[in-house]
Amino acid sequence: MTSNGMALNTVATSALAAGGLLGGFAVARKTENRQLGGAVLAAAGVACTVSWNASSGPKVAGALLATYLVGFGASHPLSKKIGAWPAVGSVAAATAAASVVLMRE
């Protein structure tokens, strides 16, 4: 546990979730290869889901995986309104926040 009582795993998994969304987009944009970006997104999603399931059970893991996937999907129409990076950053932050809230022990 950290000094404020939050498990280090909670912070790490939340950061990984945000990093998967941001990293997947960055890889896709930099390489111009959407499939490679999708592979980064998927790998982070799988790792997060395993961690979420181990620490909080299948219901929370399922809800957080849904949040991750909906965030990915929502970033596309949102990018038309606020720009690509702000959209991805917004959904990454929301996903990380949901992970911290739902993983609390």
C-alpha atoms as a PDB file:
ATOM      1  CA  MET A   1       0.000   0.000   0.000  1.00  0.00           C
ATOM      2  CA  THR A   2       1.090   3.540  -0.596  1.00  0.00           C
ATOM      3  CA  SER A   3       0.975   6.177   2.118  1.00  0.00           C
ATOM      4  CA  ASN A   4      -2.566   7.196   1.191  1.00  0.00           C
ATOM      5  CA  GLY A   5      -3.809   3.602   1.321  1.00  0.00           C
ATOM      6  CA  MET A   6      -4.076   3.046  -2.450  1.00  0.00           C
ATOM      7  CA  ALA A   7      -2.447  -0.138  -3.697  1.00  0.00           C
ATOM      8  CA  LEU A   8       0.518   0.397  -6.001  1.00  0.00           C
ATOM      9  CA  ASN A   9      -1.070  -2.110  -8.400  1.00  0.00           C
ATOM     10  CA  THR A  10      -4.098   0.175  -8.734  1.00  0.00           C
ATOM     11  CA  VAL A  11      -1.946   3.091  -9.819  1.00  0.00           C
ATOM     12  CA  ALA A  12       0.179   0.953 -12.150  1.00  0.00           C
ATOM     13  CA  THR A  13      -2.815  -0.648 -13.848  1.00  0.00           C
ATOM     14  CA  SER A  14      -4.584   2.686 -14.217  1.00  0.00           C
ATOM     15  CA  ALA A  15      -1.451   4.169 -15.786  1.00  0.00           C
ATOM     16  CA  LEU A  16      -1.147   1.160 -18.093  1.00  0.00           C
ATOM     17  CA  ALA A  17      -4.761   1.615 -19.223  1.00  0.00           C
ATOM     18  CA  ALA A  18      -4.141   5.266 -20.056  1.00  0.00           C
ATOM     19  CA  GLY A  19      -0.809   4.366 -21.643  1.00  0.00           C
ATOM     20  CA  GLY A  20      -2.431   1.716 -23.808  1.00  0.00           C
ATOM     21  CA  LEU A  21      -4.875   4.215 -25.255  1.00  0.00           C
ATOM     22  CA  LEU A  22      -2.261   6.931 -25.702  1.00  0.00           C
ATOM     23  CA  GLY A  23       0.430   4.540 -26.890  1.00  0.00           C
ATOM     24  CA  GLY A  24      -1.804   2.743 -29.343  1.00  0.00           C
ATOM     25  CA  PHE A  25      -2.768   6.035 -30.916  1.00  0.00           C
ATOM     26  CA  ALA A  26       0.823   7.293 -30.959  1.00  0.00           C
ATOM     27  CA  VAL A  27       2.126   4.117 -32.604  1.00  0.00           C
ATOM     28  CA  ALA A  28      -0.643   4.130 -35.203  1.00  0.00           C
ATOM     29  CA  ARG A  29      -0.018   7.777 -36.010  1.00  0.00           C
ATOM     30  CA  LYS A  30       3.799   7.602 -36.041  1.00  0.00           C
ATOM     31  CA  THR A  31       4.045   4.406 -38.101  1.00  0.00           C
ATOM     32  CA  GLU A  32       0.916   5.044 -40.206  1.00  0.00           C
ATOM     33  CA  ASN A  33       0.026   1.443 -39.381  1.00  0.00           C
ATOM     34  CA  ARG A  34      -3.353   1.215 -37.646  1.00  0.00           C
ATOM     35  CA  GLN A  35      -2.972  -2.518 -37.048  1.00  0.00           C
ATOM     36  CA  LEU A  36       0.272  -1.985 -35.131  1.00  0.00           C
ATOM     37  CA  GLY A  37      -1.412   0.685 -33.025  1.00  0.00           C
ATOM     38  CA  GLY A  38      -4.285  -1.726 -32.454  1.00  0.00           C
ATOM     39  CA  ALA A  39      -1.821  -4.390 -31.299  1.00  0.00           C
ATOM     40  CA  VAL A  40      -0.420  -1.979 -28.700  1.00  0.00           C
ATOM     41  CA  LEU A  41      -3.948  -1.093 -27.594  1.00  0.00           C
ATOM     42  CA  ALA A  42      -4.920  -4.770 -27.373  1.00  0.00           C
ATOM     43  CA  ALA A  43      -1.789  -5.853 -25.493  1.00  0.00           C
ATOM     44  CA  ALA A  44      -2.299  -3.163 -22.860  1.00  0.00           C
ATOM     45  CA  GLY A  45      -6.008  -4.012 -22.645  1.00  0.00           C
ATOM     46  CA  VAL A  46      -5.265  -7.687 -22.018  1.00  0.00           C
ATOM     47  CA  ALA A  47      -2.646  -6.879 -19.378  1.00  0.00           C
ATOM     48  CA  CYS A  48      -5.024  -4.479 -17.633  1.00  0.00           C
ATOM     49  CA  THR A  49      -7.894  -6.936 -17.727  1.00  0.00           C
ATOM     50  CA  VAL A  50      -5.748  -9.660 -16.149  1.00  0.00           C
ATOM     51  CA  SER A  51      -4.723  -7.248 -13.392  1.00  0.00           C
ATOM     52  CA  TRP A  52      -8.249  -5.933 -12.869  1.00  0.00           C
ATOM     53  CA  ASN A  53      -9.586  -9.485 -12.635  1.00  0.00           C
ATOM     54  CA  ALA A  54      -6.887 -10.596 -10.183  1.00  0.00           C
ATOM     55  CA  SER A  55      -7.360  -7.634  -7.869  1.00  0.00           C
ATOM     56  CA  SER A  56     -11.074  -6.905  -8.151  1.00  0.00           C
ATOM     57  CA  GLY A  57     -12.829  -9.870  -9.762  1.00  0.00           C
ATOM     58  CA  PRO A  58     -14.524 -10.522 -13.088  1.00  0.00           C
ATOM     59  CA  LYS A  59     -17.378  -8.013 -12.754  1.00  0.00           C
ATOM     60  CA  VAL A  60     -15.053  -5.083 -12.167  1.00  0.00           C
ATOM     61  CA  ALA A  61     -12.643  -6.375 -14.811  1.00  0.00           C
ATOM     62  CA  GLY A  62     -15.490  -6.596 -17.324  1.00  0.00           C
ATOM     63  CA  ALA A  63     -16.734  -3.105 -16.487  1.00  0.00           C
ATOM     64  CA  LEU A  64     -13.243  -1.635 -16.804  1.00  0.00           C
ATOM     65  CA  LEU A  65     -12.543  -3.466 -20.057  1.00  0.00           C
ATOM     66  CA  ALA A  66     -15.817  -2.068 -21.390  1.00  0.00           C
ATOM     67  CA  THR A  67     -14.729   1.406 -20.273  1.00  0.00           C
ATOM     68  CA  TYR A  68     -11.394   0.939 -22.072  1.00  0.00           C
ATOM     69  CA  LEU A  69     -13.067  -0.205 -25.294  1.00  0.00           C
ATOM     70  CA  VAL A  70     -15.814   2.422 -25.189  1.00  0.00           C
ATOM     71  CA  GLY A  71     -13.142   5.051 -24.579  1.00  0.00           C
ATOM     72  CA  PHE A  72     -11.290   3.882 -27.664  1.00  0.00           C
ATOM     73  CA  GLY A  73     -14.467   4.024 -29.726  1.00  0.00           C
ATOM     74  CA  ALA A  74     -15.567   7.364 -28.290  1.00  0.00           C
ATOM     75  CA  SER A  75     -12.242   8.990 -29.079  1.00  0.00           C
ATOM     76  CA  HIS A  76     -12.988   8.824 -32.800  1.00  0.00           C
ATOM     77  CA  PRO A  77     -16.118  11.021 -32.910  1.00  0.00           C
ATOM     78  CA  LEU A  78     -14.770  13.164 -30.067  1.00  0.00           C
ATOM     79  CA  SER A  79     -11.647  13.910 -32.110  1.00  0.00           C
ATOM     80  CA  LYS A  80     -13.803  15.614 -34.729  1.00  0.00           C
ATOM     81  CA  LYS A  81     -14.945  18.068 -32.063  1.00  0.00           C
ATOM     82  CA  ILE A  82     -11.810  18.713 -30.001  1.00  0.00           C
ATOM     83  CA  GLY A  83      -8.908  17.253 -31.988  1.00  0.00           C
ATOM     84  CA  ALA A  84      -7.220  13.872 -31.990  1.00  0.00           C
ATOM     85  CA  TRP A  85      -4.748  14.216 -29.117  1.00  0.00           C
ATOM     86  CA  PRO A  86      -7.186  15.995 -26.773  1.00  0.00           C
ATOM     87  CA  ALA A  87      -9.773  13.300 -27.479  1.00  0.00           C
ATOM     88  CA  VAL A  88      -7.368  10.443 -26.805  1.00  0.00           C
ATOM     89  CA  GLY A  89      -6.054  12.200 -23.715  1.00  0.00           C
ATOM     90  CA  SER A  90      -9.572  12.723 -22.415  1.00  0.00           C
ATOM     91  CA  VAL A  91     -10.655   9.118 -22.801  1.00  0.00           C
ATOM     92  CA  ALA A  92      -7.333   7.895 -21.395  1.00  0.00           C
ATOM     93  CA  ALA A  93      -7.802  10.063 -18.301  1.00  0.00           C
ATOM     94  CA  ALA A  94     -11.401   8.920 -17.875  1.00  0.00           C
ATOM     95  CA  THR A  95     -10.395   5.276 -18.205  1.00  0.00           C
ATOM     96  CA  ALA A  96      -7.574   5.675 -15.680  1.00  0.00           C
ATOM     97  CA  ALA A  97      -9.901   7.450 -13.246  1.00  0.00           C
ATOM     98  CA  ALA A  98     -12.513   4.690 -13.570  1.00  0.00           C
ATOM     99  CA  SER A  99      -9.806   2.125 -12.907  1.00  0.00           C
ATOM    100  CA  VAL A 100      -8.662   3.896  -9.727  1.00  0.00           C
ATOM    101  CA  VAL A 101     -12.226   4.264  -8.441  1.00  0.00           C
ATOM    102  CA  LEU A 102     -13.376   0.726  -9.205  1.00  0.00           C
ATOM    103  CA  MET A 103     -10.187  -1.008  -8.037  1.00  0.00           C
ATOM    104  CA  ARG A 104     -10.355   0.466  -4.542  1.00  0.00           C
ATOM    105  CA  GLU A 105     -10.213  -2.270  -1.972  1.00  0.00           C
END
